Amino acid sequence: MLKNRTIAQKLGSVMFAGLMVLTAGVAMAAAPASADTRCGDWLQEDERVGLNDFRAGANCAEIDSDEKVRAHLVKVDAVDDYSSWFTTEYKSYYTAWQSCWAGCSSSRVVSPR
């Protein structure tokens, strides 16, 4: 009887371990195949006599296959400016040079394709 109980305990442990491996495999299969989009943005300043000009830039190390990105020049009390949409990694994209009368900052926009 003791021998049968030991066998049953070992069998139960093996079944539990197999279930854990199966569960982990299903969880990994459900995960998306591509990595998260990873980008940076910055504000460039062109020093001029009078009011300086600014532009926003963006560059991505990774872009999800179902996303696109663009640089965003955020202008205080004025119309914002954007670069074209891009999906190319490791290439910098910029907005046009703009004067920022009340100030500006940079950002990036990530959107579904």
PDB file of N, CA and C in Angstrom:
ATOM      1  N   MET A   1       0.815  -1.183   0.000  1.00  0.00           N
ATOM      2  CA  MET A   1       0.000   0.000   0.000  1.00  0.00           C
ATOM      3  C   MET A   1       0.863   1.253   0.000  1.00  0.00           C
ATOM      4  N   LEU A   2       1.918   1.246   0.815  1.00  0.00           N
ATOM      5  CA  LEU A   2       2.825   2.379   0.873  1.00  0.00           C
ATOM      6  C   LEU A   2       3.508   2.594  -0.465  1.00  0.00           C
ATOM      7  N   LYS A   3       3.860   1.514  -1.144  1.00  0.00           N
ATOM      8  CA  LYS A   3       4.509   1.602  -2.448  1.00  0.00           C
ATOM      9  C   LYS A   3       3.562   2.226  -3.472  1.00  0.00           C
ATOM     10  N   ASN A   4       2.287   1.869  -3.463  1.00  0.00           N
ATOM     11  CA  ASN A   4       1.310   2.438  -4.396  1.00  0.00           C
ATOM     12  C   ASN A   4       1.094   3.930  -4.141  1.00  0.00           C
ATOM     13  N   ARG A   5       1.109   4.340  -2.873  1.00  0.00           N
ATOM     14  CA  ARG A   5       0.937   5.751  -2.540  1.00  0.00           C
ATOM     15  C   ARG A   5       2.134   6.556  -3.051  1.00  0.00           C
ATOM     16  N   THR A   6       3.346   6.074  -2.913  1.00  0.00           N
ATOM     17  CA  THR A   6       4.552   6.750  -3.394  1.00  0.00           C
ATOM     18  C   THR A   6       4.501   6.892  -4.911  1.00  0.00           C
ATOM     19  N   ILE A   7       4.084   5.845  -5.584  1.00  0.00           N
ATOM     20  CA  ILE A   7       3.958   5.898  -7.044  1.00  0.00           C
ATOM     21  C   ILE A   7       2.906   6.936  -7.434  1.00  0.00           C
ATOM     22  N   ALA A   8       1.800   6.956  -6.729  1.00  0.00           N
ATOM     23  CA  ALA A   8       0.740   7.921  -7.023  1.00  0.00           C
ATOM     24  C   ALA A   8       1.221   9.349  -6.804  1.00  0.00           C
ATOM     25  N   GLN A   9       2.008   9.577  -5.723  1.00  0.00           N
ATOM     26  CA  GLN A   9       2.533  10.914  -5.459  1.00  0.00           C
ATOM     27  C   GLN A   9       3.500  11.340  -6.566  1.00  0.00           C
ATOM     28  N   LYS A  10       4.370  10.444  -6.995  1.00  0.00           N
ATOM     29  CA  LYS A  10       5.311  10.766  -8.071  1.00  0.00           C
ATOM     30  C   LYS A  10       4.572  11.022  -9.373  1.00  0.00           C
ATOM     31  N   LEU A  11       3.575  10.207  -9.651  1.00  0.00           N
ATOM     32  CA  LEU A  11       2.780  10.392 -10.860  1.00  0.00           C
ATOM     33  C   LEU A  11       2.052  11.734 -10.823  1.00  0.00           C
ATOM     34  N   GLY A  12       1.524  12.095  -9.664  1.00  0.00           N
ATOM     35  CA  GLY A  12       0.864  13.391  -9.507  1.00  0.00           C
ATOM     36  C   GLY A  12       1.831  14.541  -9.734  1.00  0.00           C
ATOM     37  N   SER A  13       3.063  14.433  -9.220  1.00  0.00           N
ATOM     38  CA  SER A  13       4.077  15.462  -9.412  1.00  0.00           C
ATOM     39  C   SER A  13       4.450  15.611 -10.885  1.00  0.00           C
ATOM     40  N   VAL A  14       4.596  14.481 -11.566  1.00  0.00           N
ATOM     41  CA  VAL A  14       4.925  14.505 -12.993  1.00  0.00           C
ATOM     42  C   VAL A  14       3.788  15.130 -13.789  1.00  0.00           C
ATOM     43  N   MET A  15       2.553  14.781 -13.445  1.00  0.00           N
ATOM     44  CA  MET A  15       1.404  15.356 -14.156  1.00  0.00           C
ATOM     45  C   MET A  15       1.315  16.868 -13.923  1.00  0.00           C
ATOM     46  N   PHE A  16       1.584  17.315 -12.691  1.00  0.00           N
ATOM     47  CA  PHE A  16       1.553  18.743 -12.378  1.00  0.00           C
ATOM     48  C   PHE A  16       2.641  19.478 -13.162  1.00  0.00           C
ATOM     49  N   ALA A  17       3.846  18.896 -13.206  1.00  0.00           N
ATOM     50  CA  ALA A  17       4.944  19.519 -13.956  1.00  0.00           C
ATOM     51  C   ALA A  17       4.596  19.606 -15.445  1.00  0.00           C
ATOM     52  N   GLY A  18       4.002  18.542 -15.978  1.00  0.00           N
ATOM     53  CA  GLY A  18       3.596  18.556 -17.383  1.00  0.00           C
ATOM     54  C   GLY A  18       2.545  19.611 -17.658  1.00  0.00           C
ATOM     55  N   LEU A  19       1.608  19.771 -16.736  1.00  0.00           N
ATOM     56  CA  LEU A  19       0.581  20.799 -16.880  1.00  0.00           C
ATOM     57  C   LEU A  19       1.196  22.196 -16.871  1.00  0.00           C
ATOM     58  N   MET A  20       2.191  22.424 -16.014  1.00  0.00           N
ATOM     59  CA  MET A  20       2.866  23.734 -15.950  1.00  0.00           C
ATOM     60  C   MET A  20       3.591  24.032 -17.265  1.00  0.00           C
ATOM     61  N   VAL A  21       4.263  23.042 -17.811  1.00  0.00           N
ATOM     62  CA  VAL A  21       4.961  23.229 -19.089  1.00  0.00           C
ATOM     63  C   VAL A  21       3.964  23.532 -20.194  1.00  0.00           C
ATOM     64  N   LEU A  22       2.859  22.813 -20.225  1.00  0.00           N
ATOM     65  CA  LEU A  22       1.818  23.040 -21.231  1.00  0.00           C
ATOM     66  C   LEU A  22       1.229  24.446 -21.096  1.00  0.00           C
ATOM     67  N   THR A  23       0.961  24.877 -19.863  1.00  0.00           N
ATOM     68  CA  THR A  23       0.411  26.211 -19.624  1.00  0.00           C
ATOM     69  C   THR A  23       1.396  27.288 -20.066  1.00  0.00           C
ATOM     70  N   ALA A  24       2.657  27.122 -19.769  1.00  0.00           N
ATOM     71  CA  ALA A  24       3.672  28.090 -20.179  1.00  0.00           C
ATOM     72  C   ALA A  24       3.761  28.164 -21.703  1.00  0.00           C
ATOM     73  N   GLY A  25       3.658  27.015 -22.373  1.00  0.00           N
ATOM     74  CA  GLY A  25       3.703  26.993 -23.842  1.00  0.00           C
ATOM     75  C   GLY A  25       2.533  27.729 -24.449  1.00  0.00           C
ATOM     76  N   VAL A  26       1.349  27.572 -23.889  1.00  0.00           N
ATOM     77  CA  VAL A  26       0.167  28.282 -24.389  1.00  0.00           C
ATOM     78  C   VAL A  26       0.321  29.774 -24.151  1.00  0.00           C
ATOM     79  N   ALA A  27       0.828  30.177 -22.991  1.00  0.00           N
ATOM     80  CA  ALA A  27       1.025  31.595 -22.697  1.00  0.00           C
ATOM     81  C   ALA A  27       2.027  32.220 -23.665  1.00  0.00           C
ATOM     82  N   MET A  28       3.082  31.500 -23.991  1.00  0.00           N
ATOM     83  CA  MET A  28       4.076  32.026 -24.927  1.00  0.00           C
ATOM     84  C   MET A  28       3.515  32.109 -26.338  1.00  0.00           C
ATOM     85  N   ALA A  29       2.687  31.157 -26.722  1.00  0.00           N
ATOM     86  CA  ALA A  29       2.095  31.175 -28.054  1.00  0.00           C
ATOM     87  C   ALA A  29       1.118  32.332 -28.205  1.00  0.00           C
ATOM     88  N   ALA A  30       0.485  32.753 -27.112  1.00  0.00           N
ATOM     89  CA  ALA A  30      -0.484  33.843 -27.163  1.00  0.00           C
ATOM     90  C   ALA A  30       0.197  35.201 -27.185  1.00  0.00           C
ATOM     91  N   ALA A  31       1.477  35.270 -26.830  1.00  0.00           N
ATOM     92  CA  ALA A  31       2.190  36.541 -26.819  1.00  0.00           C
ATOM     93  C   ALA A  31       2.420  37.026 -28.248  1.00  0.00           C
ATOM     94  N   PRO A  32       2.422  38.360 -28.463  1.00  0.00           N
ATOM     95  CA  PRO A  32       2.652  38.871 -29.810  1.00  0.00           C
ATOM     96  C   PRO A  32       4.054  38.534 -30.303  1.00  0.00           C
ATOM     97  N   ALA A  33       4.173  38.369 -31.611  1.00  0.00           N
ATOM     98  CA  ALA A  33       5.452  37.978 -32.200  1.00  0.00           C
ATOM     99  C   ALA A  33       6.442  39.137 -32.235  1.00  0.00           C
ATOM    100  N   SER A  34       5.956  40.376 -32.351  1.00  0.00           N
ATOM    101  CA  SER A  34       6.858  41.515 -32.474  1.00  0.00           C
ATOM    102  C   SER A  34       7.054  42.200 -31.127  1.00  0.00           C
ATOM    103  N   ALA A  35       8.155  42.921 -31.006  1.00  0.00           N
ATOM    104  CA  ALA A  35       8.469  43.650 -29.776  1.00  0.00           C
ATOM    105  C   ALA A  35       7.703  44.971 -29.746  1.00  0.00           C
ATOM    106  N   ASP A  36       7.695  45.608 -28.593  1.00  0.00           N
ATOM    107  CA  ASP A  36       7.037  46.911 -28.470  1.00  0.00           C
ATOM    108  C   ASP A  36       7.806  47.968 -29.256  1.00  0.00           C
ATOM    109  N   THR A  37       7.083  48.972 -29.709  1.00  0.00           N
ATOM    110  CA  THR A  37       7.714  50.086 -30.412  1.00  0.00           C
ATOM    111  C   THR A  37       8.553  50.873 -29.415  1.00  0.00           C
ATOM    112  N   ARG A  38       9.824  51.111 -29.755  1.00  0.00           N
ATOM    113  CA  ARG A  38      10.741  51.866 -28.897  1.00  0.00           C
ATOM    114  C   ARG A  38      11.308  53.023 -29.704  1.00  0.00           C
ATOM    115  N   CYS A  39      10.940  54.259 -29.334  1.00  0.00           N
ATOM    116  CA  CYS A  39      11.354  55.451 -30.071  1.00  0.00           C
ATOM    117  C   CYS A  39      11.830  56.541 -29.116  1.00  0.00           C
ATOM    118  N   GLY A  40      12.562  57.470 -29.681  1.00  0.00           N
ATOM    119  CA  GLY A  40      12.963  58.667 -28.958  1.00  0.00           C
ATOM    120  C   GLY A  40      12.616  59.888 -29.788  1.00  0.00           C
ATOM    121  N   ASP A  41      12.441  61.029 -29.120  1.00  0.00           N
ATOM    122  CA  ASP A  41      12.191  62.281 -29.834  1.00  0.00           C
ATOM    123  C   ASP A  41      13.023  63.385 -29.197  1.00  0.00           C
ATOM    124  N   TRP A  42      13.261  64.449 -29.947  1.00  0.00           N
ATOM    125  CA  TRP A  42      14.079  65.562 -29.471  1.00  0.00           C
ATOM    126  C   TRP A  42      13.679  66.835 -30.196  1.00  0.00           C
ATOM    127  N   LEU A  43      14.102  67.945 -29.628  1.00  0.00           N
ATOM    128  CA  LEU A  43      13.838  69.272 -30.189  1.00  0.00           C
ATOM    129  C   LEU A  43      15.168  69.870 -30.627  1.00  0.00           C
ATOM    130  N   GLN A  44      15.263  70.273 -31.887  1.00  0.00           N
ATOM    131  CA  GLN A  44      16.469  70.930 -32.392  1.00  0.00           C
ATOM    132  C   GLN A  44      16.200  72.421 -32.528  1.00  0.00           C
ATOM    133  N   GLU A  45      17.231  73.202 -32.260  1.00  0.00           N
ATOM    134  CA  GLU A  45      17.110  74.661 -32.347  1.00  0.00           C
ATOM    135  C   GLU A  45      18.131  75.194 -33.342  1.00  0.00           C
ATOM    136  N   ASP A  46      17.677  76.053 -34.251  1.00  0.00           N
ATOM    137  CA  ASP A  46      18.544  76.725 -35.217  1.00  0.00           C
ATOM    138  C   ASP A  46      18.659  78.177 -34.774  1.00  0.00           C
ATOM    139  N   GLU A  47      19.836  78.530 -34.232  1.00  0.00           N
ATOM    140  CA  GLU A  47      20.023  79.879 -33.706  1.00  0.00           C
ATOM    141  C   GLU A  47      20.150  80.870 -34.854  1.00  0.00           C
ATOM    142  N   ARG A  48      19.326  81.901 -34.799  1.00  0.00           N
ATOM    143  CA  ARG A  48      19.305  82.948 -35.822  1.00  0.00           C
ATOM    144  C   ARG A  48      19.267  84.302 -35.147  1.00  0.00           C
ATOM    145  N   VAL A  49      19.499  85.314 -35.911  1.00  0.00           N
ATOM    146  CA  VAL A  49      19.329  86.667 -35.390  1.00  0.00           C
ATOM    147  C   VAL A  49      17.830  86.885 -35.214  1.00  0.00           C
ATOM    148  N   GLY A  50      17.424  87.308 -34.049  1.00  0.00           N
ATOM    149  CA  GLY A  50      15.996  87.463 -33.781  1.00  0.00           C
ATOM    150  C   GLY A  50      15.443  86.191 -33.159  1.00  0.00           C
ATOM    151  N   LEU A  51      14.332  85.714 -33.682  1.00  0.00           N
ATOM    152  CA  LEU A  51      13.660  84.534 -33.139  1.00  0.00           C
ATOM    153  C   LEU A  51      14.246  83.252 -33.744  1.00  0.00           C
ATOM    154  N   ASN A  52      14.664  82.320 -32.903  1.00  0.00           N
ATOM    155  CA  ASN A  52      15.238  81.062 -33.378  1.00  0.00           C
ATOM    156  C   ASN A  52      14.152  80.160 -33.970  1.00  0.00           C
ATOM    157  N   ASP A  53      14.575  79.224 -34.839  1.00  0.00           N
ATOM    158  CA  ASP A  53      13.661  78.234 -35.403  1.00  0.00           C
ATOM    159  C   ASP A  53      13.877  76.902 -34.703  1.00  0.00           C
ATOM    160  N   PHE A  54      12.828  76.083 -34.701  1.00  0.00           N
ATOM    161  CA  PHE A  54      12.863  74.781 -34.044  1.00  0.00           C
ATOM    162  C   PHE A  54      12.259  73.729 -34.957  1.00  0.00           C
ATOM    163  N   ARG A  55      12.688  72.486 -34.743  1.00  0.00           N
ATOM    164  CA  ARG A  55      12.039  71.348 -35.387  1.00  0.00           C
ATOM    165  C   ARG A  55      12.121  70.158 -34.441  1.00  0.00           C
ATOM    166  N   ALA A  56      11.163  69.256 -34.573  1.00  0.00           N
ATOM    167  CA  ALA A  56      11.145  68.037 -33.767  1.00  0.00           C
ATOM    168  C   ALA A  56      11.690  66.898 -34.607  1.00  0.00           C
ATOM    169  N   GLY A  57      12.390  66.000 -33.967  1.00  0.00           N
ATOM    170  CA  GLY A  57      12.910  64.812 -34.629  1.00  0.00           C
ATOM    171  C   GLY A  57      12.501  63.564 -33.871  1.00  0.00           C
ATOM    172  N   ALA A  58      12.447  62.452 -34.574  1.00  0.00           N
ATOM    173  CA  ALA A  58      12.129  61.165 -33.951  1.00  0.00           C
ATOM    174  C   ALA A  58      12.904  60.061 -34.652  1.00  0.00           C
ATOM    175  N   ASN A  59      13.255  59.038 -33.881  1.00  0.00           N
ATOM    176  CA  ASN A  59      13.983  57.890 -34.391  1.00  0.00           C
ATOM    177  C   ASN A  59      13.548  56.683 -33.567  1.00  0.00           C
ATOM    178  N   CYS A  60      13.367  55.543 -34.209  1.00  0.00           N
ATOM    179  CA  CYS A  60      12.906  54.344 -33.512  1.00  0.00           C
ATOM    180  C   CYS A  60      13.897  53.201 -33.669  1.00  0.00           C
ATOM    181  N   ALA A  61      14.172  52.521 -32.576  1.00  0.00           N
ATOM    182  CA  ALA A  61      14.995  51.319 -32.607  1.00  0.00           C
ATOM    183  C   ALA A  61      14.148  50.113 -32.994  1.00  0.00           C
ATOM    184  N   GLU A  62      12.880  50.125 -32.599  1.00  0.00           N
ATOM    185  CA  GLU A  62      11.959  49.043 -32.959  1.00  0.00           C
ATOM    186  C   GLU A  62      10.577  49.638 -33.189  1.00  0.00           C
ATOM    187  N   ILE A  63       9.903  49.167 -34.235  1.00  0.00           N
ATOM    188  CA  ILE A  63       8.532  49.577 -34.524  1.00  0.00           C
ATOM    189  C   ILE A  63       7.713  48.308 -34.745  1.00  0.00           C
ATOM    190  N   ASP A  64       6.623  48.165 -34.002  1.00  0.00           N
ATOM    191  CA  ASP A  64       5.730  47.020 -34.211  1.00  0.00           C
ATOM    192  C   ASP A  64       5.293  46.971 -35.663  1.00  0.00           C
ATOM    193  N   SER A  65       5.078  45.781 -36.173  1.00  0.00           N
ATOM    194  CA  SER A  65       4.704  45.618 -37.578  1.00  0.00           C
ATOM    195  C   SER A  65       3.337  46.220 -37.888  1.00  0.00           C
ATOM    196  N   ASP A  66       2.524  46.439 -36.867  1.00  0.00           N
ATOM    197  CA  ASP A  66       1.189  47.008 -37.102  1.00  0.00           C
ATOM    198  C   ASP A  66       1.093  48.472 -36.670  1.00  0.00           C
ATOM    199  N   GLU A  67       2.244  49.156 -36.513  1.00  0.00           N
ATOM    200  CA  GLU A  67       2.244  50.562 -36.096  1.00  0.00           C
ATOM    201  C   GLU A  67       3.085  51.424 -37.025  1.00  0.00           C
ATOM    202  N   LYS A  68       2.812  52.727 -36.986  1.00  0.00           N
ATOM    203  CA  LYS A  68       3.603  53.720 -37.701  1.00  0.00           C
ATOM    204  C   LYS A  68       3.850  54.879 -36.735  1.00  0.00           C
ATOM    205  N   VAL A  69       4.865  55.692 -37.026  1.00  0.00           N
ATOM    206  CA  VAL A  69       5.308  56.735 -36.104  1.00  0.00           C
ATOM    207  C   VAL A  69       5.558  58.018 -36.882  1.00  0.00           C
ATOM    208  N   ARG A  70       5.439  59.175 -36.206  1.00  0.00           N
ATOM    209  CA  ARG A  70       5.869  60.443 -36.784  1.00  0.00           C
ATOM    210  C   ARG A  70       6.289  61.398 -35.683  1.00  0.00           C
ATOM    211  N   ALA A  71       7.195  62.324 -36.025  1.00  0.00           N
ATOM    212  CA  ALA A  71       7.646  63.347 -35.085  1.00  0.00           C
ATOM    213  C   ALA A  71       6.571  64.423 -34.975  1.00  0.00           C
ATOM    214  N   HIS A  72       6.497  65.047 -33.795  1.00  0.00           N
ATOM    215  CA  HIS A  72       5.453  66.032 -33.520  1.00  0.00           C
ATOM    216  C   HIS A  72       6.093  67.251 -32.860  1.00  0.00           C
ATOM    217  N   LEU A  73       5.996  68.395 -33.517  1.00  0.00           N
ATOM    218  CA  LEU A  73       6.446  69.666 -32.940  1.00  0.00           C
ATOM    219  C   LEU A  73       5.236  70.304 -32.269  1.00  0.00           C
ATOM    220  N   VAL A  74       5.259  70.341 -30.953  1.00  0.00           N
ATOM    221  CA  VAL A  74       4.146  70.878 -30.169  1.00  0.00           C
ATOM    222  C   VAL A  74       4.399  72.370 -29.964  1.00  0.00           C
ATOM    223  N   LYS A  75       3.533  73.202 -30.557  1.00  0.00           N
ATOM    224  CA  LYS A  75       3.700  74.655 -30.472  1.00  0.00           C
ATOM    225  C   LYS A  75       2.646  75.248 -29.535  1.00  0.00           C
ATOM    226  N   VAL A  76       3.098  76.035 -28.565  1.00  0.00           N
ATOM    227  CA  VAL A  76       2.188  76.675 -27.626  1.00  0.00           C
ATOM    228  C   VAL A  76       1.444  77.792 -28.355  1.00  0.00           C
ATOM    229  N   ASP A  77       0.130  77.797 -28.253  1.00  0.00           N
ATOM    230  CA  ASP A  77      -0.735  78.822 -28.861  1.00  0.00           C
ATOM    231  C   ASP A  77      -0.554  78.942 -30.373  1.00  0.00           C
ATOM    232  N   ALA A  78      -0.271  77.837 -31.046  1.00  0.00           N
ATOM    233  CA  ALA A  78      -0.126  77.836 -32.502  1.00  0.00           C
ATOM    234  C   ALA A  78      -0.436  76.436 -33.022  1.00  0.00           C
ATOM    235  N   VAL A  79      -0.511  76.320 -34.341  1.00  0.00           N
ATOM    236  CA  VAL A  79      -0.801  75.024 -34.969  1.00  0.00           C
ATOM    237  C   VAL A  79       0.451  74.144 -34.921  1.00  0.00           C
ATOM    238  N   ASP A  80       0.288  72.926 -34.432  1.00  0.00           N
ATOM    239  CA  ASP A  80       1.411  71.983 -34.347  1.00  0.00           C
ATOM    240  C   ASP A  80       1.859  71.553 -35.741  1.00  0.00           C
ATOM    241  N   ASP A  81       3.074  71.013 -35.816  1.00  0.00           N
ATOM    242  CA  ASP A  81       3.613  70.514 -37.085  1.00  0.00           C
ATOM    243  C   ASP A  81       4.019  69.057 -36.893  1.00  0.00           C
ATOM    244  N   TYR A  82       3.926  68.269 -37.960  1.00  0.00           N
ATOM    245  CA  TYR A  82       4.227  66.840 -37.919  1.00  0.00           C
ATOM    246  C   TYR A  82       5.147  66.467 -39.080  1.00  0.00           C
ATOM    247  N   SER A  83       5.978  65.439 -38.855  1.00  0.00           N
ATOM    248  CA  SER A  83       6.738  64.849 -39.957  1.00  0.00           C
ATOM    249  C   SER A  83       5.817  63.889 -40.692  1.00  0.00           C
ATOM    250  N   SER A  84       6.324  63.325 -41.762  1.00  0.00           N
ATOM    251  CA  SER A  84       5.555  62.273 -42.438  1.00  0.00           C
ATOM    252  C   SER A  84       5.579  61.013 -41.563  1.00  0.00           C
ATOM    253  N   TRP A  85       4.603  60.130 -41.792  1.00  0.00           N
ATOM    254  CA  TRP A  85       4.575  58.854 -41.074  1.00  0.00           C
ATOM    255  C   TRP A  85       5.755  58.015 -41.532  1.00  0.00           C
ATOM    256  N   PHE A  86       6.335  57.229 -40.612  1.00  0.00           N
ATOM    257  CA  PHE A  86       7.426  56.341 -41.010  1.00  0.00           C
ATOM    258  C   PHE A  86       7.334  55.007 -40.283  1.00  0.00           C
ATOM    259  N   THR A  87       7.928  54.005 -40.926  1.00  0.00           N
ATOM    260  CA  THR A  87       8.010  52.663 -40.350  1.00  0.00           C
ATOM    261  C   THR A  87       9.440  52.116 -40.424  1.00  0.00           C
ATOM    262  N   THR A  88      10.372  52.940 -40.884  1.00  0.00           N
ATOM    263  CA  THR A  88      11.769  52.533 -41.013  1.00  0.00           C
ATOM    264  C   THR A  88      12.481  52.723 -39.676  1.00  0.00           C
ATOM    265  N   GLU A  89      13.151  51.699 -39.219  1.00  0.00           N
ATOM    266  CA  GLU A  89      13.881  51.766 -37.957  1.00  0.00           C
ATOM    267  C   GLU A  89      15.279  52.341 -38.180  1.00  0.00           C
ATOM    268  N   TYR A  90      15.815  52.969 -37.157  1.00  0.00           N
ATOM    269  CA  TYR A  90      17.170  53.538 -37.143  1.00  0.00           C
ATOM    270  C   TYR A  90      17.376  54.621 -38.199  1.00  0.00           C
ATOM    271  N   LYS A  91      16.347  55.386 -38.489  1.00  0.00           N
ATOM    272  CA  LYS A  91      16.447  56.524 -39.391  1.00  0.00           C
ATOM    273  C   LYS A  91      15.709  57.690 -38.742  1.00  0.00           C
ATOM    274  N   SER A  92      16.308  58.870 -38.770  1.00  0.00           N
ATOM    275  CA  SER A  92      15.697  60.039 -38.138  1.00  0.00           C
ATOM    276  C   SER A  92      14.760  60.759 -39.093  1.00  0.00           C
ATOM    277  N   TYR A  93      13.627  61.195 -38.565  1.00  0.00           N
ATOM    278  CA  TYR A  93      12.622  61.945 -39.326  1.00  0.00           C
ATOM    279  C   TYR A  93      12.349  63.248 -38.593  1.00  0.00           C
ATOM    280  N   TYR A  94      12.087  64.324 -39.360  1.00  0.00           N
ATOM    281  CA  TYR A  94      11.965  65.656 -38.775  1.00  0.00           C
ATOM    282  C   TYR A  94      10.728  66.383 -39.291  1.00  0.00           C
ATOM    283  N   THR A  95      10.255  67.318 -38.473  1.00  0.00           N
ATOM    284  CA  THR A  95       9.240  68.268 -38.926  1.00  0.00           C
ATOM    285  C   THR A  95       9.968  69.378 -39.679  1.00  0.00           C
ATOM    286  N   ALA A  96       9.219  70.288 -40.267  1.00  0.00           N
ATOM    287  CA  ALA A  96       9.818  71.477 -40.896  1.00  0.00           C
ATOM    288  C   ALA A  96      10.291  72.430 -39.796  1.00  0.00           C
ATOM    289  N   TRP A  97      11.224  73.313 -40.148  1.00  0.00           N
ATOM    290  CA  TRP A  97      11.673  74.335 -39.206  1.00  0.00           C
ATOM    291  C   TRP A  97      10.536  75.334 -38.991  1.00  0.00           C
ATOM    292  N   GLN A  98      10.299  75.693 -37.739  1.00  0.00           N
ATOM    293  CA  GLN A  98       9.207  76.596 -37.390  1.00  0.00           C
ATOM    294  C   GLN A  98       9.675  77.584 -36.322  1.00  0.00           C
ATOM    295  N   SER A  99       9.103  78.787 -36.344  1.00  0.00           N
ATOM    296  CA  SER A  99       9.295  79.724 -35.235  1.00  0.00           C
ATOM    297  C   SER A  99       8.267  79.393 -34.159  1.00  0.00           C
ATOM    298  N   CYS A 100       8.692  79.480 -32.937  1.00  0.00           N
ATOM    299  CA  CYS A 100       7.790  79.195 -31.813  1.00  0.00           C
ATOM    300  C   CYS A 100       7.681  80.451 -30.957  1.00  0.00           C
ATOM    301  N   TRP A 101       6.704  81.275 -31.250  1.00  0.00           N
ATOM    302  CA  TRP A 101       6.549  82.554 -30.563  1.00  0.00           C
ATOM    303  C   TRP A 101       6.339  82.381 -29.066  1.00  0.00           C
ATOM    304  N   ALA A 102       5.541  81.404 -28.683  1.00  0.00           N
ATOM    305  CA  ALA A 102       5.211  81.217 -27.268  1.00  0.00           C
ATOM    306  C   ALA A 102       5.887  79.984 -26.675  1.00  0.00           C
ATOM    307  N   GLY A 103       6.759  79.338 -27.436  1.00  0.00           N
ATOM    308  CA  GLY A 103       7.451  78.148 -26.960  1.00  0.00           C
ATOM    309  C   GLY A 103       6.993  76.893 -27.683  1.00  0.00           C
ATOM    310  N   CYS A 104       7.824  75.863 -27.628  1.00  0.00           N
ATOM    311  CA  CYS A 104       7.469  74.596 -28.267  1.00  0.00           C
ATOM    312  C   CYS A 104       8.233  73.462 -27.607  1.00  0.00           C
ATOM    313  N   SER A 105       7.794  72.259 -27.903  1.00  0.00           N
ATOM    314  CA  SER A 105       8.442  71.050 -27.393  1.00  0.00           C
ATOM    315  C   SER A 105       8.296  69.941 -28.434  1.00  0.00           C
ATOM    316  N   SER A 106       8.964  68.842 -28.197  1.00  0.00           N
ATOM    317  CA  SER A 106       8.886  67.716 -29.146  1.00  0.00           C
ATOM    318  C   SER A 106       8.095  66.579 -28.531  1.00  0.00           C
ATOM    319  N   SER A 107       7.565  65.757 -29.405  1.00  0.00           N
ATOM    320  CA  SER A 107       6.838  64.564 -28.998  1.00  0.00           C
ATOM    321  C   SER A 107       6.872  63.617 -30.199  1.00  0.00           C
ATOM    322  N   ARG A 108       6.278  62.455 -30.045  1.00  0.00           N
ATOM    323  CA  ARG A 108       6.140  61.530 -31.161  1.00  0.00           C
ATOM    324  C   ARG A 108       4.743  60.932 -31.099  1.00  0.00           C
ATOM    325  N   VAL A 109       4.238  60.575 -32.259  1.00  0.00           N
ATOM    326  CA  VAL A 109       2.905  59.984 -32.348  1.00  0.00           C
ATOM    327  C   VAL A 109       3.065  58.566 -32.876  1.00  0.00           C
ATOM    328  N   VAL A 110       2.483  57.591 -32.170  1.00  0.00           N
ATOM    329  CA  VAL A 110       2.471  56.203 -32.606  1.00  0.00           C
ATOM    330  C   VAL A 110       1.019  55.847 -32.885  1.00  0.00           C
ATOM    331  N   SER A 111       0.773  55.288 -34.077  1.00  0.00           N
ATOM    332  CA  SER A 111      -0.593  55.005 -34.485  1.00  0.00           C
ATOM    333  C   SER A 111      -0.663  53.657 -35.198  1.00  0.00           C
ATOM    334  N   PRO A 112      -1.806  53.005 -35.169  1.00  0.00           N
ATOM    335  CA  PRO A 112      -1.947  51.771 -35.952  1.00  0.00           C
ATOM    336  C   PRO A 112      -1.829  52.053 -37.441  1.00  0.00           C
ATOM    337  N   ARG A 113      -1.287  51.093 -38.175  1.00  0.00           N
ATOM    338  CA  ARG A 113      -1.176  51.244 -39.635  1.00  0.00           C
ATOM    339  C   ARG A 113      -2.509  51.075 -40.285  1.00  0.00           C
TER     340      ARG A 113
END
